[in-house]
Amino acid sequence: MPLIRKIIHVDMDAFFASVEQRDRPELQGLPVIVGGNPRSRGVVAACSYEARAFGIHSAMPSSQAYQLCPQAVFLKPRMARYQEVSRQIMALFHRYTHLVEPLSVDEAFLDVTDNLLDEPSATRIAQTIRTAIQAVTGLTASAGVSYNKFLAKIASGHNKPDGLTVIPPDRAPAFIAALPIGKFYGVGRVTKKKMLLQGIGTGRDLLRFSREELVALFGKSGHFFYDISRGQDQRPVEPARVRKSIGSETTLSTDILDFVRVSTVLIDLAQQVARILAQKKTGGRTLTLKVRYSDFTTITRSCTLAQGFFAASDILAQLPRLLAATEAGRRKIRLLGVTVANLCTEQEARFLSMRQLPLPFPPPRSRTAPCSPDGKATKEAISKASKADQGFPGLNRSNDMHLDGA
């Protein structure tokens, strides 16, 4: 009989806002919003449960949050403070197991199948952890306990705030069958819409589809959806999570339509990403351009090269073809982002390049923007390629947001 794992997912409750309310007792009981100034272009990073009662949520424009709750207290994020508290919480986790996988500053998976307390009950460990967090930090956390990561994460959000939900194997099929599809991990807004069009509204609906049908509809994610709808998730808790991408994005002070301004921002972002790549002594094979239009529609355009992206010149040489596949110049842009993924070393990239044999026919003519002799695309080149507005071979189109480490 296979060993049944014991997985806990701990998720802090309204973490940023709760830290602010703890540090400033006069804010307790008030709607607190951590994020951008409501008179600027910022967004809500986090909000207290008092603010959520007004319909406010993370990623909402701060100006919209102000309209919903003008009496809310708006605070700028204090990331150094949140990271300090996060380190306290992560240290607590390691009292119980060495298998701790942080997902962000305020949540983590723990595998307590074999734990440092020799405690057979994962439920008791989860409750002990929640009690310890409150004693040490004064903050509350919600926890989910189950036999795999998917169910543990779903469970932690099932009874928030300050809740504990346990999904044992015998309860899993009924729980998943009744779960709305939008609650499934990995199902974003675009995928949810596509699923609803296929008549998939709950986990029970997913069971009607074969693995092959789901792969045909959703690509390789179809394998994941097939498995989790049946309660199967073999992903291990990984203490040393490998970083999957490096990127930078910016919300613009005003919506922009002008190509010169777009290219200026992209050049700056490319240089920022290149600096981080240099610091990490890495590069990546996939470049992704993220564009959010003024109506908040978000798209990504990606290309993958065997030789990889290691310097700003590598990134800038390919950004024109990605920008050309967007509606830049016809739709105002609110946010721009540049990300390098499929991280690799220069040696790995050289090896992959050597393995690729040249095709026995000349490459197709392309209207990609030209590069200057040193490989750096000029602002004018980016603008010209943008006006071409056509796709390119190997260009991946997606309307889902690109998530680091998703």
Protein backbone atom coordinates (compact mmCIF):
# COMPACT_ATOMS: atom_id res chain seq x y z
CA MET A 1 0.00 0.00 0.00
CA PRO A 2 1.52 3.35 -1.02
CA LEU A 3 2.46 5.77 1.75
CA ILE A 4 -0.12 8.51 2.27
CA ARG A 5 1.67 11.83 2.54
CA LYS A 6 0.74 14.47 5.10
CA ILE A 7 0.92 17.95 3.57
CA ILE A 8 0.11 21.25 5.27
CA HIS A 9 -0.36 24.56 3.47
CA VAL A 10 -0.15 27.60 5.75
CA ASP A 11 -1.39 30.95 4.44
CA MET A 12 -1.22 34.12 6.52
CA ASP A 13 -4.46 36.11 6.72
CA ALA A 14 -4.34 39.47 4.87
CA PHE A 15 -0.63 39.50 5.68
CA PHE A 16 0.53 42.99 4.68
CA ALA A 17 -2.56 44.69 6.10
CA SER A 18 -2.47 42.56 9.26
CA VAL A 19 1.16 43.55 9.94
CA GLU A 20 0.16 47.20 9.60
CA GLN A 21 -2.78 46.77 11.97
CA ARG A 22 -0.56 44.96 14.46
CA ASP A 23 2.16 47.63 14.34
CA ARG A 24 -0.39 50.44 14.55
CA PRO A 25 -3.17 49.37 16.93
CA GLU A 26 -5.24 52.44 16.04
CA LEU A 27 -5.83 50.79 12.63
CA GLN A 28 -7.45 47.68 14.07
CA GLY A 29 -11.06 47.34 12.98
CA LEU A 30 -10.56 49.85 10.15
CA PRO A 31 -10.50 49.14 6.40
CA VAL A 32 -6.79 49.17 5.59
CA ILE A 33 -5.43 49.07 2.05
CA VAL A 34 -1.74 48.51 1.32
CA GLY A 35 -0.77 49.65 -2.15
CA GLY A 36 -0.60 52.66 -4.42
CA ASN A 37 -1.95 56.11 -3.75
CA PRO A 38 -5.61 56.30 -4.85
CA ARG A 39 -4.81 59.55 -6.66
CA SER A 40 -2.14 57.80 -8.70
CA ARG A 41 -2.01 54.76 -10.99
CA GLY A 42 -1.23 52.26 -8.25
CA VAL A 43 -3.05 49.06 -7.40
CA VAL A 44 -4.06 47.31 -4.20
CA ALA A 45 -1.31 44.97 -2.99
CA ALA A 46 -3.30 43.73 0.01
CA CYS A 47 -6.24 44.79 2.14
CA SER A 48 -7.72 43.99 5.51
CA TYR A 49 -10.89 41.95 5.89
CA GLU A 50 -12.70 45.15 6.88
CA ALA A 51 -11.81 46.54 3.43
CA ARG A 52 -12.79 43.31 1.68
CA ALA A 53 -16.31 43.75 3.02
CA PHE A 54 -16.61 46.66 0.56
CA GLY A 55 -15.66 44.44 -2.41
CA ILE A 56 -12.01 45.49 -2.47
CA HIS A 57 -9.40 42.90 -3.47
CA SER A 58 -5.75 42.70 -4.45
CA ALA A 59 -4.76 43.91 -7.93
CA MET A 60 -7.73 46.30 -8.00
CA PRO A 61 -6.82 49.87 -9.02
CA SER A 62 -6.40 51.99 -5.90
CA SER A 63 -8.65 54.64 -7.42
CA GLN A 64 -11.46 52.09 -7.72
CA ALA A 65 -10.85 50.93 -4.15
CA TYR A 66 -11.20 54.53 -2.98
CA GLN A 67 -14.53 54.86 -4.77
CA LEU A 68 -15.79 51.72 -3.04
CA CYS A 69 -14.51 52.79 0.38
CA PRO A 70 -13.40 56.43 0.62
CA GLN A 71 -12.92 56.12 4.38
CA ALA A 72 -10.27 53.42 3.95
CA VAL A 73 -6.74 53.99 5.23
CA PHE A 74 -4.27 53.77 2.34
CA LEU A 75 -0.68 52.81 3.23
CA LYS A 76 2.46 52.41 1.18
CA PRO A 77 3.94 48.88 1.33
CA ARG A 78 6.83 48.31 3.75
CA MET A 79 8.40 45.28 2.14
CA ALA A 80 11.40 45.19 4.48
CA ARG A 81 9.03 44.93 7.45
CA TYR A 82 6.94 42.19 5.84
CA GLN A 83 10.07 40.21 4.99
CA GLU A 84 11.28 40.55 8.57
CA VAL A 85 8.02 39.07 9.91
CA SER A 86 8.09 36.42 7.17
CA ARG A 87 11.50 35.23 8.36
CA GLN A 88 10.06 34.73 11.84
CA ILE A 89 7.22 32.64 10.44
CA MET A 90 9.45 30.52 8.20
CA ALA A 91 11.75 29.84 11.17
CA LEU A 92 8.74 28.50 13.07
CA PHE A 93 7.93 26.09 10.25
CA HIS A 94 11.41 24.58 10.47
CA ARG A 95 10.76 23.56 14.08
CA TYR A 96 8.43 20.89 12.75
CA THR A 97 9.98 19.70 9.48
CA HIS A 98 12.92 20.31 7.18
CA LEU A 99 10.59 19.98 4.18
CA VAL A 100 9.34 23.56 3.92
CA GLU A 101 8.57 25.10 0.52
CA PRO A 102 7.90 28.86 0.71
CA LEU A 103 5.61 30.08 -2.07
CA SER A 104 5.88 33.76 -1.10
CA VAL A 105 6.51 35.82 2.02
CA ASP A 106 3.18 34.76 3.52
CA GLU A 107 2.57 31.12 2.57
CA ALA A 108 4.35 27.78 2.43
CA PHE A 109 3.90 24.05 2.04
CA LEU A 110 5.14 21.69 4.75
CA ASP A 111 5.53 17.93 4.38
CA VAL A 112 5.06 16.50 7.88
CA THR A 113 4.84 12.83 6.87
CA ASP A 114 8.09 12.43 8.80
CA ASN A 115 8.39 15.35 11.19
CA LEU A 116 10.74 16.53 13.91
CA LEU A 117 8.16 15.97 16.66
CA ASP A 118 7.37 12.38 15.72
CA GLU A 119 3.74 13.52 15.78
CA PRO A 120 1.49 11.20 13.76
CA SER A 121 -1.33 13.74 13.37
CA ALA A 122 -0.81 16.41 10.68
CA THR A 123 -3.94 18.15 11.96
CA ARG A 124 -2.43 18.57 15.44
CA ILE A 125 0.81 19.88 13.91
CA ALA A 126 -1.13 22.42 11.81
CA GLN A 127 -3.01 23.64 14.86
CA THR A 128 0.22 23.85 16.88
CA ILE A 129 1.82 25.90 14.09
CA ARG A 130 -1.11 28.31 13.93
CA THR A 131 -0.98 28.79 17.70
CA ALA A 132 2.79 29.38 17.60
CA ILE A 133 2.47 31.96 14.81
CA GLN A 134 -0.08 33.94 16.80
CA ALA A 135 2.01 33.74 19.97
CA VAL A 136 5.22 34.89 18.26
CA THR A 137 3.88 37.44 15.76
CA GLY A 138 0.40 38.36 16.97
CA LEU A 139 -0.96 37.42 13.54
CA THR A 140 -3.42 34.77 12.43
CA ALA A 141 -2.90 32.11 9.79
CA SER A 142 -5.16 29.66 8.03
CA ALA A 143 -4.05 26.13 7.28
CA GLY A 144 -5.11 23.30 5.02
CA VAL A 145 -4.20 19.67 5.62
CA SER A 146 -4.43 16.89 3.08
CA TYR A 147 -2.47 14.17 1.29
CA ASN A 148 -1.20 16.34 -1.59
CA LYS A 149 -0.29 19.93 -2.39
CA PHE A 150 -3.32 20.73 -4.53
CA LEU A 151 -5.84 19.77 -1.86
CA ALA A 152 -3.84 21.30 1.01
CA LYS A 153 -3.71 24.66 -0.77
CA ILE A 154 -7.41 24.61 -1.62
CA ALA A 155 -8.19 23.65 1.99
CA SER A 156 -6.22 26.55 3.50
CA GLY A 157 -8.47 29.04 1.73
CA HIS A 158 -11.69 27.21 2.52
CA ASN A 159 -12.26 28.65 5.99
CA LYS A 160 -10.45 32.00 6.10
CA PRO A 161 -9.54 33.88 8.19
CA ASP A 162 -8.00 31.99 11.12
CA GLY A 163 -9.32 28.65 9.89
CA LEU A 164 -8.19 25.05 9.70
CA THR A 165 -9.59 22.66 7.09
CA VAL A 166 -8.68 18.99 6.74
CA ILE A 167 -9.40 16.93 3.60
CA PRO A 168 -8.66 13.24 4.21
CA PRO A 169 -8.50 10.82 1.25
CA ASP A 170 -12.04 9.50 1.77
CA ARG A 171 -13.53 13.01 1.61
CA ALA A 172 -11.48 14.21 -1.37
CA PRO A 173 -13.68 12.95 -4.25
CA ALA A 174 -16.84 14.68 -2.97
CA PHE A 175 -14.91 17.86 -2.09
CA ILE A 176 -13.33 18.12 -5.55
CA ALA A 177 -16.57 17.26 -7.35
CA ALA A 178 -18.37 20.18 -5.70
CA LEU A 179 -15.48 22.64 -6.08
CA PRO A 180 -16.19 25.56 -8.49
CA ILE A 181 -13.73 25.50 -11.35
CA GLY A 182 -12.50 29.00 -10.54
CA LYS A 183 -11.19 27.68 -7.21
CA PHE A 184 -8.91 25.16 -8.89
CA TYR A 185 -5.22 25.96 -8.63
CA GLY A 186 -3.90 26.85 -12.09
CA VAL A 187 -7.25 28.02 -13.46
CA GLY A 188 -7.02 31.73 -14.18
CA ARG A 189 -9.59 34.09 -15.62
CA VAL A 190 -8.98 33.13 -19.25
CA THR A 191 -8.86 29.38 -18.60
CA LYS A 192 -11.99 29.60 -16.47
CA LYS A 193 -13.84 31.31 -19.31
CA LYS A 194 -12.71 28.63 -21.74
CA MET A 195 -13.79 25.89 -19.37
CA LEU A 196 -17.22 27.42 -18.84
CA LEU A 197 -17.68 27.48 -22.62
CA GLN A 198 -17.02 23.72 -22.56
CA GLY A 199 -19.65 23.26 -19.84
CA ILE A 200 -17.05 22.78 -17.11
CA GLY A 201 -18.26 24.57 -14.02
CA THR A 202 -17.15 22.23 -11.21
CA GLY A 203 -14.73 19.41 -10.57
CA ARG A 204 -17.52 16.96 -11.32
CA ASP A 205 -17.75 18.37 -14.85
CA LEU A 206 -14.02 17.82 -15.39
CA LEU A 207 -14.49 14.10 -14.73
CA ARG A 208 -16.52 13.80 -17.94
CA PHE A 209 -13.44 14.49 -20.06
CA SER A 210 -10.71 12.04 -20.93
CA ARG A 211 -7.05 12.95 -20.54
CA GLU A 212 -6.73 13.24 -24.33
CA GLU A 213 -9.71 15.59 -24.57
CA LEU A 214 -8.36 17.88 -21.84
CA VAL A 215 -4.92 17.99 -23.46
CA ALA A 216 -6.54 18.86 -26.80
CA LEU A 217 -8.43 21.71 -25.12
CA PHE A 218 -5.80 23.06 -22.71
CA GLY A 219 -2.45 21.80 -23.94
CA LYS A 220 -0.08 20.21 -21.43
CA SER A 221 -2.09 21.74 -18.57
CA GLY A 222 -4.75 19.22 -19.52
CA HIS A 223 -2.67 16.49 -17.85
CA PHE A 224 -2.68 18.47 -14.60
CA PHE A 225 -6.43 19.14 -14.75
CA TYR A 226 -7.13 15.46 -15.43
CA ASP A 227 -5.08 14.36 -12.43
CA ILE A 228 -6.26 16.91 -9.86
CA SER A 229 -9.92 16.36 -10.73
CA ARG A 230 -9.27 12.80 -9.54
CA GLY A 231 -7.39 13.90 -6.44
CA GLN A 232 -3.98 12.99 -7.86
CA ASP A 233 -1.01 15.33 -7.35
CA GLN A 234 2.44 13.77 -6.94
CA ARG A 235 4.37 17.05 -6.76
CA PRO A 236 6.81 16.89 -3.82
CA VAL A 237 7.34 19.65 -1.28
CA GLU A 238 10.60 21.20 -2.48
CA PRO A 239 12.62 23.08 0.17
CA ALA A 240 14.91 24.61 -2.47
CA ARG A 241 12.55 25.86 -5.12
CA VAL A 242 14.32 26.61 -8.39
CA ARG A 243 13.60 30.08 -9.64
CA LYS A 244 11.79 29.78 -12.96
CA SER A 245 12.04 33.30 -14.35
CA ILE A 246 13.47 36.77 -13.85
CA GLY A 247 11.51 39.83 -14.87
CA SER A 248 10.59 43.43 -14.29
CA GLU A 249 7.41 45.35 -14.98
CA THR A 250 6.08 48.84 -14.44
CA THR A 251 2.68 50.48 -14.23
CA LEU A 252 2.90 53.68 -16.26
CA SER A 253 1.98 57.03 -14.75
CA THR A 254 -0.42 57.62 -17.66
CA ASP A 255 -1.74 55.38 -20.43
CA ILE A 256 0.56 55.69 -23.43
CA LEU A 257 0.02 55.26 -27.15
CA ASP A 258 3.26 56.79 -28.43
CA PHE A 259 5.80 54.26 -29.78
CA VAL A 260 8.81 56.26 -28.66
CA ARG A 261 7.60 56.26 -25.06
CA VAL A 262 6.78 52.55 -25.25
CA SER A 263 10.25 51.74 -26.59
CA THR A 264 11.92 53.92 -23.95
CA VAL A 265 10.16 52.00 -21.19
CA LEU A 266 11.01 48.63 -22.76
CA ILE A 267 14.69 49.53 -23.10
CA ASP A 268 14.78 50.47 -19.42
CA LEU A 269 13.04 47.21 -18.41
CA ALA A 270 15.39 45.15 -20.58
CA GLN A 271 18.39 46.74 -18.90
CA GLN A 272 16.91 46.08 -15.44
CA VAL A 273 16.35 42.41 -16.27
CA ALA A 274 19.84 42.09 -17.77
CA ARG A 275 21.38 43.49 -14.57
CA ILE A 276 19.56 40.88 -12.47
CA LEU A 277 20.59 38.11 -14.86
CA ALA A 278 24.21 39.24 -14.54
CA GLN A 279 23.97 39.32 -10.74
CA LYS A 280 22.51 35.79 -10.70
CA LYS A 281 25.05 34.63 -13.31
CA THR A 282 22.29 33.16 -15.42
CA GLY A 283 20.23 33.71 -18.53
CA GLY A 284 17.18 32.12 -20.09
CA ARG A 285 15.89 30.68 -23.33
CA THR A 286 12.43 32.29 -23.34
CA LEU A 287 11.67 36.00 -23.52
CA THR A 288 8.18 37.24 -22.64
CA LEU A 289 6.71 40.68 -23.21
CA LYS A 290 3.73 41.54 -21.03
CA VAL A 291 1.31 44.28 -22.05
CA ARG A 292 -1.69 45.50 -20.10
CA TYR A 293 -3.96 47.82 -22.04
CA SER A 294 -5.92 50.72 -20.56
CA ASP A 295 -9.01 48.52 -20.19
CA PHE A 296 -6.93 46.09 -18.04
CA THR A 297 -6.83 43.39 -20.72
CA THR A 298 -3.47 41.66 -20.25
CA ILE A 299 -1.60 39.71 -22.91
CA THR A 300 1.83 38.11 -23.23
CA ARG A 301 3.96 37.49 -26.29
CA SER A 302 6.89 35.06 -26.05
CA CYS A 303 9.71 33.66 -28.14
CA THR A 304 12.28 30.97 -27.35
CA LEU A 305 15.83 30.88 -28.67
CA ALA A 306 18.35 28.08 -28.10
CA GLN A 307 21.20 30.58 -27.73
CA GLY A 308 19.35 32.26 -24.89
CA PHE A 309 19.10 35.77 -23.47
CA PHE A 310 21.95 36.92 -21.26
CA ALA A 311 22.49 40.62 -21.97
CA ALA A 312 20.32 43.65 -22.65
CA SER A 313 21.33 43.45 -26.32
CA ASP A 314 19.97 39.89 -26.54
CA ILE A 315 16.63 41.02 -25.13
CA LEU A 316 16.38 44.19 -27.20
CA ALA A 317 17.12 42.30 -30.40
CA GLN A 318 13.91 40.29 -29.99
CA LEU A 319 11.54 42.78 -28.32
CA PRO A 320 10.53 44.36 -31.66
CA ARG A 321 9.04 41.13 -33.00
CA LEU A 322 7.11 40.63 -29.76
CA LEU A 323 5.84 44.20 -29.67
CA ALA A 324 4.79 43.90 -33.30
CA ALA A 325 2.42 41.11 -32.28
CA THR A 326 0.53 43.36 -29.87
CA GLU A 327 -1.87 46.23 -30.46
CA ALA A 328 0.65 48.83 -29.33
CA GLY A 329 0.00 52.00 -31.27
CA ARG A 330 -3.71 51.22 -31.63
CA ARG A 331 -4.59 50.71 -27.97
CA LYS A 332 -3.34 52.68 -25.01
CA ILE A 333 -1.01 50.79 -22.69
CA ARG A 334 -1.15 50.87 -18.90
CA LEU A 335 1.60 48.41 -17.95
CA LEU A 336 4.67 46.87 -19.58
CA GLY A 337 6.78 43.96 -18.41
CA VAL A 338 9.78 41.96 -19.63
CA THR A 339 10.61 38.47 -18.33
CA VAL A 340 13.29 35.90 -19.15
CA ALA A 341 12.33 32.29 -18.34
CA ASN A 342 13.63 28.74 -18.90
CA LEU A 343 16.73 29.84 -17.00
CA CYS A 344 20.07 28.34 -18.00
CA THR A 345 23.79 29.00 -17.96
CA GLU A 346 25.71 30.20 -21.02
CA GLN A 347 27.32 26.77 -21.27
CA GLU A 348 23.91 25.09 -21.36
CA ALA A 349 22.71 27.54 -24.01
CA ARG A 350 25.79 26.88 -26.17
CA PHE A 351 25.19 23.14 -25.92
CA LEU A 352 21.58 23.53 -27.03
CA SER A 353 22.60 25.78 -29.92
CA MET A 354 25.12 23.20 -31.12
CA ARG A 355 22.45 20.49 -31.10
CA GLN A 356 20.20 22.46 -33.47
CA LEU A 357 20.97 21.59 -37.08
CA PRO A 358 20.50 24.28 -39.77
CA LEU A 359 17.41 23.88 -41.91
CA PRO A 360 17.99 22.94 -45.58
CA PHE A 361 16.17 26.05 -46.80
CA PRO A 362 16.65 29.77 -46.26
CA PRO A 363 14.77 31.43 -43.40
CA PRO A 364 11.56 33.29 -44.34
CA ARG A 365 11.74 37.01 -44.91
CA SER A 366 10.65 38.92 -41.85
CA ARG A 367 9.79 42.50 -41.05
CA THR A 368 11.48 42.25 -37.66
CA ALA A 369 13.12 45.48 -36.65
CA PRO A 370 16.80 45.71 -37.63
CA CYS A 371 19.52 45.78 -35.00
CA SER A 372 22.47 48.08 -34.82
CA PRO A 373 25.93 46.54 -35.41
CA ASP A 374 26.51 45.89 -31.72
CA GLY A 375 23.22 43.99 -31.47
CA LYS A 376 21.27 46.72 -29.72
CA ALA A 377 17.88 47.55 -31.15
CA THR A 378 17.24 51.26 -31.44
CA LYS A 379 14.07 53.00 -30.30
CA GLU A 380 13.25 53.66 -33.94
CA ALA A 381 13.63 49.97 -34.78
CA ILE A 382 11.22 48.97 -32.04
CA SER A 383 8.74 51.55 -33.25
CA LYS A 384 8.93 50.42 -36.88
CA ALA A 385 8.50 46.79 -35.98
CA SER A 386 5.54 47.69 -33.80
CA LYS A 387 3.82 49.38 -36.71
CA ALA A 388 4.26 46.22 -38.77
CA ASP A 389 2.00 44.44 -36.25
CA GLN A 390 2.41 40.91 -37.57
CA GLY A 391 3.18 37.54 -36.03
CA PHE A 392 6.44 35.66 -36.47
CA PRO A 393 7.38 31.98 -36.69
CA GLY A 394 7.76 30.47 -33.24
CA LEU A 395 5.83 33.26 -31.56
CA ASN A 396 3.64 32.03 -28.71
CA ARG A 397 0.40 33.88 -28.11
CA SER A 398 -1.33 33.82 -24.74
CA ASN A 399 -3.98 35.87 -23.02
CA ASP A 400 -3.03 34.52 -19.59
CA MET A 401 -0.82 36.55 -17.33
CA HIS A 402 2.80 35.31 -17.04
CA LEU A 403 3.39 34.31 -13.38
CA ASP A 404 6.85 33.90 -11.91
CA GLY A 405 7.14 30.45 -10.37
CA ALA A 406 3.58 29.48 -11.16
